[in-house]
Amino acid sequence: MYLIKTRDGNYYELFEIKEDEWLIKNQNGEKKKVLGFGEDMKLKKGVPVILSHKEREISTQAITDIFKRV
């Protein structure tokens, strides 16, 4: 599980379900399926998280910090 902070100051939790399958949870507790990370589809700083919301693609602001929970 990872905790990420985006450029707009929001925090999200990322859960890796399987290899290359992720869920994202926002501050309100809503979980959504992650479709990818930026253009190269890798979790790293500076790229947005692309997710599915009501049958359309939306994205977060760019990731500024990534914290791994132990």
PDB file of N, CA and C in Angstrom:
ATOM      1  N   MET A   1       0.846  -1.173   0.000  1.00  0.00           N
ATOM      2  CA  MET A   1       0.000   0.000   0.000  1.00  0.00           C
ATOM      3  C   MET A   1       0.894   1.240   0.000  1.00  0.00           C
ATOM      4  N   TYR A   2       0.481   2.250  -0.743  1.00  0.00           N
ATOM      5  CA  TYR A   2       1.206   3.512  -0.828  1.00  0.00           C
ATOM      6  C   TYR A   2       0.271   4.656  -0.472  1.00  0.00           C
ATOM      7  N   LEU A   3       0.821   5.678   0.136  1.00  0.00           N
ATOM      8  CA  LEU A   3       0.110   6.923   0.365  1.00  0.00           C
ATOM      9  C   LEU A   3       0.756   7.939  -0.564  1.00  0.00           C
ATOM     10  N   ILE A   4      -0.044   8.601  -1.391  1.00  0.00           N
ATOM     11  CA  ILE A   4       0.516   9.593  -2.310  1.00  0.00           C
ATOM     12  C   ILE A   4      -0.098  10.957  -2.029  1.00  0.00           C
ATOM     13  N   LYS A   5       0.684  11.987  -2.293  1.00  0.00           N
ATOM     14  CA  LYS A   5       0.214  13.364  -2.193  1.00  0.00           C
ATOM     15  C   LYS A   5       0.295  13.964  -3.584  1.00  0.00           C
ATOM     16  N   THR A   6      -0.756  14.668  -3.983  1.00  0.00           N
ATOM     17  CA  THR A   6      -0.778  15.277  -5.312  1.00  0.00           C
ATOM     18  C   THR A   6      -0.477  16.773  -5.215  1.00  0.00           C
ATOM     19  N   ARG A   7      -0.268  17.382  -6.367  1.00  0.00           N
ATOM     20  CA  ARG A   7       0.108  18.794  -6.443  1.00  0.00           C
ATOM     21  C   ARG A   7      -0.894  19.710  -5.744  1.00  0.00           C
ATOM     22  N   ASP A   8      -2.175  19.342  -5.751  1.00  0.00           N
ATOM     23  CA  ASP A   8      -3.190  20.178  -5.106  1.00  0.00           C
ATOM     24  C   ASP A   8      -3.313  19.930  -3.603  1.00  0.00           C
ATOM     25  N   GLY A   9      -2.449  19.078  -3.039  1.00  0.00           N
ATOM     26  CA  GLY A   9      -2.421  18.848  -1.601  1.00  0.00           C
ATOM     27  C   GLY A   9      -3.297  17.713  -1.113  1.00  0.00           C
ATOM     28  N   ASN A  10      -3.976  17.007  -1.999  1.00  0.00           N
ATOM     29  CA  ASN A  10      -4.819  15.880  -1.606  1.00  0.00           C
ATOM     30  C   ASN A  10      -3.984  14.624  -1.407  1.00  0.00           C
ATOM     31  N   TYR A  11      -4.427  13.793  -0.479  1.00  0.00           N
ATOM     32  CA  TYR A  11      -3.773  12.517  -0.216  1.00  0.00           C
ATOM     33  C   TYR A  11      -4.676  11.382  -0.687  1.00  0.00           C
ATOM     34  N   TYR A  12      -4.070  10.351  -1.234  1.00  0.00           N
ATOM     35  CA  TYR A  12      -4.788   9.164  -1.692  1.00  0.00           C
ATOM     36  C   TYR A  12      -4.018   7.929  -1.252  1.00  0.00           C
ATOM     37  N   GLU A  13      -4.740   6.845  -0.995  1.00  0.00           N
ATOM     38  CA  GLU A  13      -4.107   5.561  -0.717  1.00  0.00           C
ATOM     39  C   GLU A  13      -4.196   4.707  -1.973  1.00  0.00           C
ATOM     40  N   LEU A  14      -3.098   4.046  -2.320  1.00  0.00           N
ATOM     41  CA  LEU A  14      -3.058   3.146  -3.472  1.00  0.00           C
ATOM     42  C   LEU A  14      -2.847   1.730  -2.976  1.00  0.00           C
ATOM     43  N   PHE A  15      -3.662   0.811  -3.451  1.00  0.00           N
ATOM     44  CA  PHE A  15      -3.566  -0.598  -3.092  1.00  0.00           C
ATOM     45  C   PHE A  15      -3.280  -1.405  -4.344  1.00  0.00           C
ATOM     46  N   GLU A  16      -2.220  -2.207  -4.316  1.00  0.00           N
ATOM     47  CA  GLU A  16      -1.933  -3.086  -5.452  1.00  0.00           C
ATOM     48  C   GLU A  16      -2.641  -4.408  -5.201  1.00  0.00           C
ATOM     49  N   ILE A  17      -3.635  -4.713  -6.027  1.00  0.00           N
ATOM     50  CA  ILE A  17      -4.416  -5.938  -5.874  1.00  0.00           C
ATOM     51  C   ILE A  17      -3.653  -7.114  -6.466  1.00  0.00           C
ATOM     52  N   LYS A  18      -3.264  -6.974  -7.702  1.00  0.00           N
ATOM     53  CA  LYS A  18      -2.453  -7.949  -8.428  1.00  0.00           C
ATOM     54  C   LYS A  18      -1.378  -7.160  -9.146  1.00  0.00           C
ATOM     55  N   GLU A  19      -0.510  -7.854  -9.852  1.00  0.00           N
ATOM     56  CA  GLU A  19       0.491  -7.143 -10.636  1.00  0.00           C
ATOM     57  C   GLU A  19      -0.217  -6.289 -11.689  1.00  0.00           C
ATOM     58  N   ASP A  20       0.070  -5.022 -11.699  1.00  0.00           N
ATOM     59  CA  ASP A  20      -0.512  -4.045 -12.629  1.00  0.00           C
ATOM     60  C   ASP A  20      -2.015  -3.830 -12.449  1.00  0.00           C
ATOM     61  N   GLU A  21      -2.557  -4.131 -11.272  1.00  0.00           N
ATOM     62  CA  GLU A  21      -3.955  -3.820 -10.949  1.00  0.00           C
ATOM     63  C   GLU A  21      -3.975  -3.065  -9.637  1.00  0.00           C
ATOM     64  N   TRP A  22      -4.523  -1.849  -9.669  1.00  0.00           N
ATOM     65  CA  TRP A  22      -4.503  -0.974  -8.510  1.00  0.00           C
ATOM     66  C   TRP A  22      -5.898  -0.448  -8.193  1.00  0.00           C
ATOM     67  N   LEU A  23      -6.116  -0.134  -6.909  1.00  0.00           N
ATOM     68  CA  LEU A  23      -7.293   0.602  -6.458  1.00  0.00           C
ATOM     69  C   LEU A  23      -6.800   1.868  -5.778  1.00  0.00           C
ATOM     70  N   ILE A  24      -7.557   2.946  -5.903  1.00  0.00           N
ATOM     71  CA  ILE A  24      -7.217   4.197  -5.234  1.00  0.00           C
ATOM     72  C   ILE A  24      -8.353   4.552  -4.286  1.00  0.00           C
ATOM     73  N   LYS A  25      -7.995   5.044  -3.098  1.00  0.00           N
ATOM     74  CA  LYS A  25      -8.993   5.443  -2.107  1.00  0.00           C
ATOM     75  C   LYS A  25      -8.747   6.909  -1.762  1.00  0.00           C
ATOM     76  N   ASN A  26      -9.783   7.733  -1.884  1.00  0.00           N
ATOM     77  CA  ASN A  26      -9.629   9.154  -1.583  1.00  0.00           C
ATOM     78  C   ASN A  26      -9.874   9.420  -0.103  1.00  0.00           C
ATOM     79  N   GLN A  27      -9.837  10.696   0.285  1.00  0.00           N
ATOM     80  CA  GLN A  27      -9.993  11.073   1.688  1.00  0.00           C
ATOM     81  C   GLN A  27     -11.396  10.816   2.218  1.00  0.00           C
ATOM     82  N   ASN A  28     -12.370  10.659   1.328  1.00  0.00           N
ATOM     83  CA  ASN A  28     -13.746  10.366   1.730  1.00  0.00           C
ATOM     84  C   ASN A  28     -14.007   8.871   1.856  1.00  0.00           C
ATOM     85  N   GLY A  29     -13.010   8.046   1.541  1.00  0.00           N
ATOM     86  CA  GLY A  29     -13.158   6.603   1.640  1.00  0.00           C
ATOM     87  C   GLY A  29     -13.676   5.932   0.382  1.00  0.00           C
ATOM     88  N   GLU A  30     -13.875   6.690  -0.694  1.00  0.00           N
ATOM     89  CA  GLU A  30     -14.365   6.113  -1.950  1.00  0.00           C
ATOM     90  C   GLU A  30     -13.224   5.423  -2.680  1.00  0.00           C
ATOM     91  N   LYS A  31     -13.473   4.187  -3.124  1.00  0.00           N
ATOM     92  CA  LYS A  31     -12.459   3.428  -3.860  1.00  0.00           C
ATOM     93  C   LYS A  31     -12.818   3.377  -5.337  1.00  0.00           C
ATOM     94  N   LYS A  32     -11.792   3.519  -6.181  1.00  0.00           N
ATOM     95  CA  LYS A  32     -11.980   3.455  -7.630  1.00  0.00           C
ATOM     96  C   LYS A  32     -10.846   2.654  -8.246  1.00  0.00           C
ATOM     97  N   LYS A  33     -11.095   2.099  -9.418  1.00  0.00           N
ATOM     98  CA  LYS A  33     -10.081   1.321 -10.130  1.00  0.00           C
ATOM     99  C   LYS A  33      -9.133   2.261 -10.866  1.00  0.00           C
ATOM    100  N   VAL A  34      -7.833   2.000 -10.736  1.00  0.00           N
ATOM    101  CA  VAL A  34      -6.810   2.793 -11.418  1.00  0.00           C
ATOM    102  C   VAL A  34      -6.602   2.219 -12.814  1.00  0.00           C
ATOM    103  N   LEU A  35      -6.621   3.091 -13.810  1.00  0.00           N
ATOM    104  CA  LEU A  35      -6.395   2.668 -15.192  1.00  0.00           C
ATOM    105  C   LEU A  35      -4.933   2.806 -15.591  1.00  0.00           C
ATOM    106  N   GLY A  36      -4.201   3.683 -14.925  1.00  0.00           N
ATOM    107  CA  GLY A  36      -2.785   3.851 -15.252  1.00  0.00           C
ATOM    108  C   GLY A  36      -2.178   5.046 -14.548  1.00  0.00           C
ATOM    109  N   PHE A  37      -0.885   5.223 -14.771  1.00  0.00           N
ATOM    110  CA  PHE A  37      -0.131   6.331 -14.190  1.00  0.00           C
ATOM    111  C   PHE A  37       0.589   7.061 -15.314  1.00  0.00           C
ATOM    112  N   GLY A  38       0.147   8.247 -15.675  1.00  0.00           N
ATOM    113  CA  GLY A  38       0.828   9.025 -16.700  1.00  0.00           C
ATOM    114  C   GLY A  38       0.913   8.305 -18.030  1.00  0.00           C
ATOM    115  N   GLU A  39       1.914   8.653 -18.831  1.00  0.00           N
ATOM    116  CA  GLU A  39       2.043   8.067 -20.162  1.00  0.00           C
ATOM    117  C   GLU A  39       2.747   6.722 -20.167  1.00  0.00           C
ATOM    118  N   ASP A  40       3.732   6.529 -19.271  1.00  0.00           N
ATOM    119  CA  ASP A  40       4.473   5.263 -19.295  1.00  0.00           C
ATOM    120  C   ASP A  40       3.925   4.227 -18.317  1.00  0.00           C
ATOM    121  N   MET A  41       2.801   4.547 -17.663  1.00  0.00           N
ATOM    122  CA  MET A  41       2.075   3.615 -16.792  1.00  0.00           C
ATOM    123  C   MET A  41       2.888   3.116 -15.595  1.00  0.00           C
ATOM    124  N   LYS A  42       3.807   3.939 -15.078  1.00  0.00           N
ATOM    125  CA  LYS A  42       4.588   3.566 -13.901  1.00  0.00           C
ATOM    126  C   LYS A  42       4.334   4.569 -12.788  1.00  0.00           C
ATOM    127  N   LEU A  43       4.235   4.048 -11.560  1.00  0.00           N
ATOM    128  CA  LEU A  43       4.028   4.892 -10.394  1.00  0.00           C
ATOM    129  C   LEU A  43       5.321   5.637 -10.093  1.00  0.00           C
ATOM    130  N   LYS A  44       5.310   6.953 -10.283  1.00  0.00           N
ATOM    131  CA  LYS A  44       6.479   7.777  -9.968  1.00  0.00           C
ATOM    132  C   LYS A  44       6.026   9.219  -9.795  1.00  0.00           C
ATOM    133  N   LYS A  45       6.891  10.028  -9.220  1.00  0.00           N
ATOM    134  CA  LYS A  45       6.584  11.441  -9.003  1.00  0.00           C
ATOM    135  C   LYS A  45       6.444  12.168 -10.334  1.00  0.00           C
ATOM    136  N   GLY A  46       5.558  13.147 -10.351  1.00  0.00           N
ATOM    137  CA  GLY A  46       5.387  13.989 -11.528  1.00  0.00           C
ATOM    138  C   GLY A  46       4.354  13.517 -12.527  1.00  0.00           C
ATOM    139  N   VAL A  47       3.744  12.348 -12.296  1.00  0.00           N
ATOM    140  CA  VAL A  47       2.729  11.848 -13.228  1.00  0.00           C
ATOM    141  C   VAL A  47       1.369  11.807 -12.524  1.00  0.00           C
ATOM    142  N   PRO A  48       0.271  11.994 -13.256  1.00  0.00           N
ATOM    143  CA  PRO A  48      -1.051  11.879 -12.651  1.00  0.00           C
ATOM    144  C   PRO A  48      -1.494  10.421 -12.563  1.00  0.00           C
ATOM    145  N   VAL A  49      -2.481  10.174 -11.709  1.00  0.00           N
ATOM    146  CA  VAL A  49      -3.108   8.859 -11.620  1.00  0.00           C
ATOM    147  C   VAL A  49      -4.376   8.926 -12.459  1.00  0.00           C
ATOM    148  N   ILE A  50      -4.503   8.023 -13.420  1.00  0.00           N
ATOM    149  CA  ILE A  50      -5.679   7.978 -14.289  1.00  0.00           C
ATOM    150  C   ILE A  50      -6.621   6.914 -13.733  1.00  0.00           C
ATOM    151  N   LEU A  51      -7.881   7.293 -13.511  1.00  0.00           N
ATOM    152  CA  LEU A  51      -8.815   6.347 -12.915  1.00  0.00           C
ATOM    153  C   LEU A  51     -10.160   6.405 -13.602  1.00  0.00           C
ATOM    154  N   SER A  52     -10.966   5.404 -13.310  1.00  0.00           N
ATOM    155  CA  SER A  52     -12.297   5.281 -13.888  1.00  0.00           C
ATOM    156  C   SER A  52     -13.312   5.868 -12.910  1.00  0.00           C
ATOM    157  N   HIS A  53     -14.161   6.776 -13.426  1.00  0.00           N
ATOM    158  CA  HIS A  53     -15.192   7.390 -12.598  1.00  0.00           C
ATOM    159  C   HIS A  53     -16.459   7.534 -13.430  1.00  0.00           C
ATOM    160  N   LYS A  54     -17.480   6.810 -13.047  1.00  0.00           N
ATOM    161  CA  LYS A  54     -18.770   6.840 -13.746  1.00  0.00           C
ATOM    162  C   LYS A  54     -18.605   6.608 -15.245  1.00  0.00           C
ATOM    163  N   GLU A  55     -17.877   5.560 -15.580  1.00  0.00           N
ATOM    164  CA  GLU A  55     -17.664   5.102 -16.955  1.00  0.00           C
ATOM    165  C   GLU A  55     -16.916   6.107 -17.837  1.00  0.00           C
ATOM    166  N   ARG A  56     -16.095   6.956 -17.238  1.00  0.00           N
ATOM    167  CA  ARG A  56     -15.221   7.829 -18.020  1.00  0.00           C
ATOM    168  C   ARG A  56     -13.881   7.947 -17.299  1.00  0.00           C
ATOM    169  N   GLU A  57     -12.866   8.372 -18.019  1.00  0.00           N
ATOM    170  CA  GLU A  57     -11.532   8.505 -17.450  1.00  0.00           C
ATOM    171  C   GLU A  57     -11.334   9.904 -16.889  1.00  0.00           C
ATOM    172  N   ILE A  58     -10.832   9.961 -15.661  1.00  0.00           N
ATOM    173  CA  ILE A  58     -10.430  11.231 -15.068  1.00  0.00           C
ATOM    174  C   ILE A  58      -9.032  11.037 -14.503  1.00  0.00           C
ATOM    175  N   SER A  59      -8.389  12.124 -14.136  1.00  0.00           N
ATOM    176  CA  SER A  59      -7.052  11.993 -13.562  1.00  0.00           C
ATOM    177  C   SER A  59      -6.889  12.947 -12.390  1.00  0.00           C
ATOM    178  N   THR A  60      -5.969  12.592 -11.506  1.00  0.00           N
ATOM    179  CA  THR A  60      -5.627  13.452 -10.383  1.00  0.00           C
ATOM    180  C   THR A  60      -4.601  14.472 -10.853  1.00  0.00           C
ATOM    181  N   GLN A  61      -4.254  15.389  -9.988  1.00  0.00           N
ATOM    182  CA  GLN A  61      -3.112  16.264 -10.243  1.00  0.00           C
ATOM    183  C   GLN A  61      -1.854  15.395 -10.200  1.00  0.00           C
ATOM    184  N   ALA A  62      -0.730  15.932 -10.631  1.00  0.00           N
ATOM    185  CA  ALA A  62       0.524  15.176 -10.643  1.00  0.00           C
ATOM    186  C   ALA A  62       0.948  14.796  -9.220  1.00  0.00           C
ATOM    187  N   ILE A  63       1.568  13.631  -9.085  1.00  0.00           N
ATOM    188  CA  ILE A  63       2.045  13.132  -7.796  1.00  0.00           C
ATOM    189  C   ILE A  63       3.282  13.922  -7.377  1.00  0.00           C
ATOM    190  N   THR A  64       3.277  14.419  -6.125  1.00  0.00           N
ATOM    191  CA  THR A  64       4.448  15.135  -5.616  1.00  0.00           C
ATOM    192  C   THR A  64       5.228  14.303  -4.608  1.00  0.00           C
ATOM    193  N   ASP A  65       4.553  13.448  -3.839  1.00  0.00           N
ATOM    194  CA  ASP A  65       5.221  12.609  -2.844  1.00  0.00           C
ATOM    195  C   ASP A  65       4.612  11.217  -2.844  1.00  0.00           C
ATOM    196  N   ILE A  66       5.460  10.214  -2.644  1.00  0.00           N
ATOM    197  CA  ILE A  66       5.014   8.824  -2.547  1.00  0.00           C
ATOM    198  C   ILE A  66       5.571   8.257  -1.250  1.00  0.00           C
ATOM    199  N   PHE A  67       4.688   7.747  -0.395  1.00  0.00           N
ATOM    200  CA  PHE A  67       5.091   7.141   0.867  1.00  0.00           C
ATOM    201  C   PHE A  67       4.641   5.690   0.861  1.00  0.00           C
ATOM    202  N   LYS A  68       5.523   4.770   1.230  1.00  0.00           N
ATOM    203  CA  LYS A  68       5.152   3.359   1.306  1.00  0.00           C
ATOM    204  C   LYS A  68       4.840   3.037   2.756  1.00  0.00           C
ATOM    205  N   ARG A  69       3.682   2.486   2.989  1.00  0.00           N
ATOM    206  CA  ARG A  69       3.307   2.090   4.351  1.00  0.00           C
ATOM    207  C   ARG A  69       3.868   0.713   4.641  1.00  0.00           C
ATOM    208  N   VAL A  70       4.352   0.571   5.844  1.00  0.00           N
ATOM    209  CA  VAL A  70       4.948  -0.713   6.240  1.00  0.00           C
ATOM    210  C   VAL A  70       3.970  -1.489   7.082  1.00  0.00           C
TER     211      VAL A  70
END
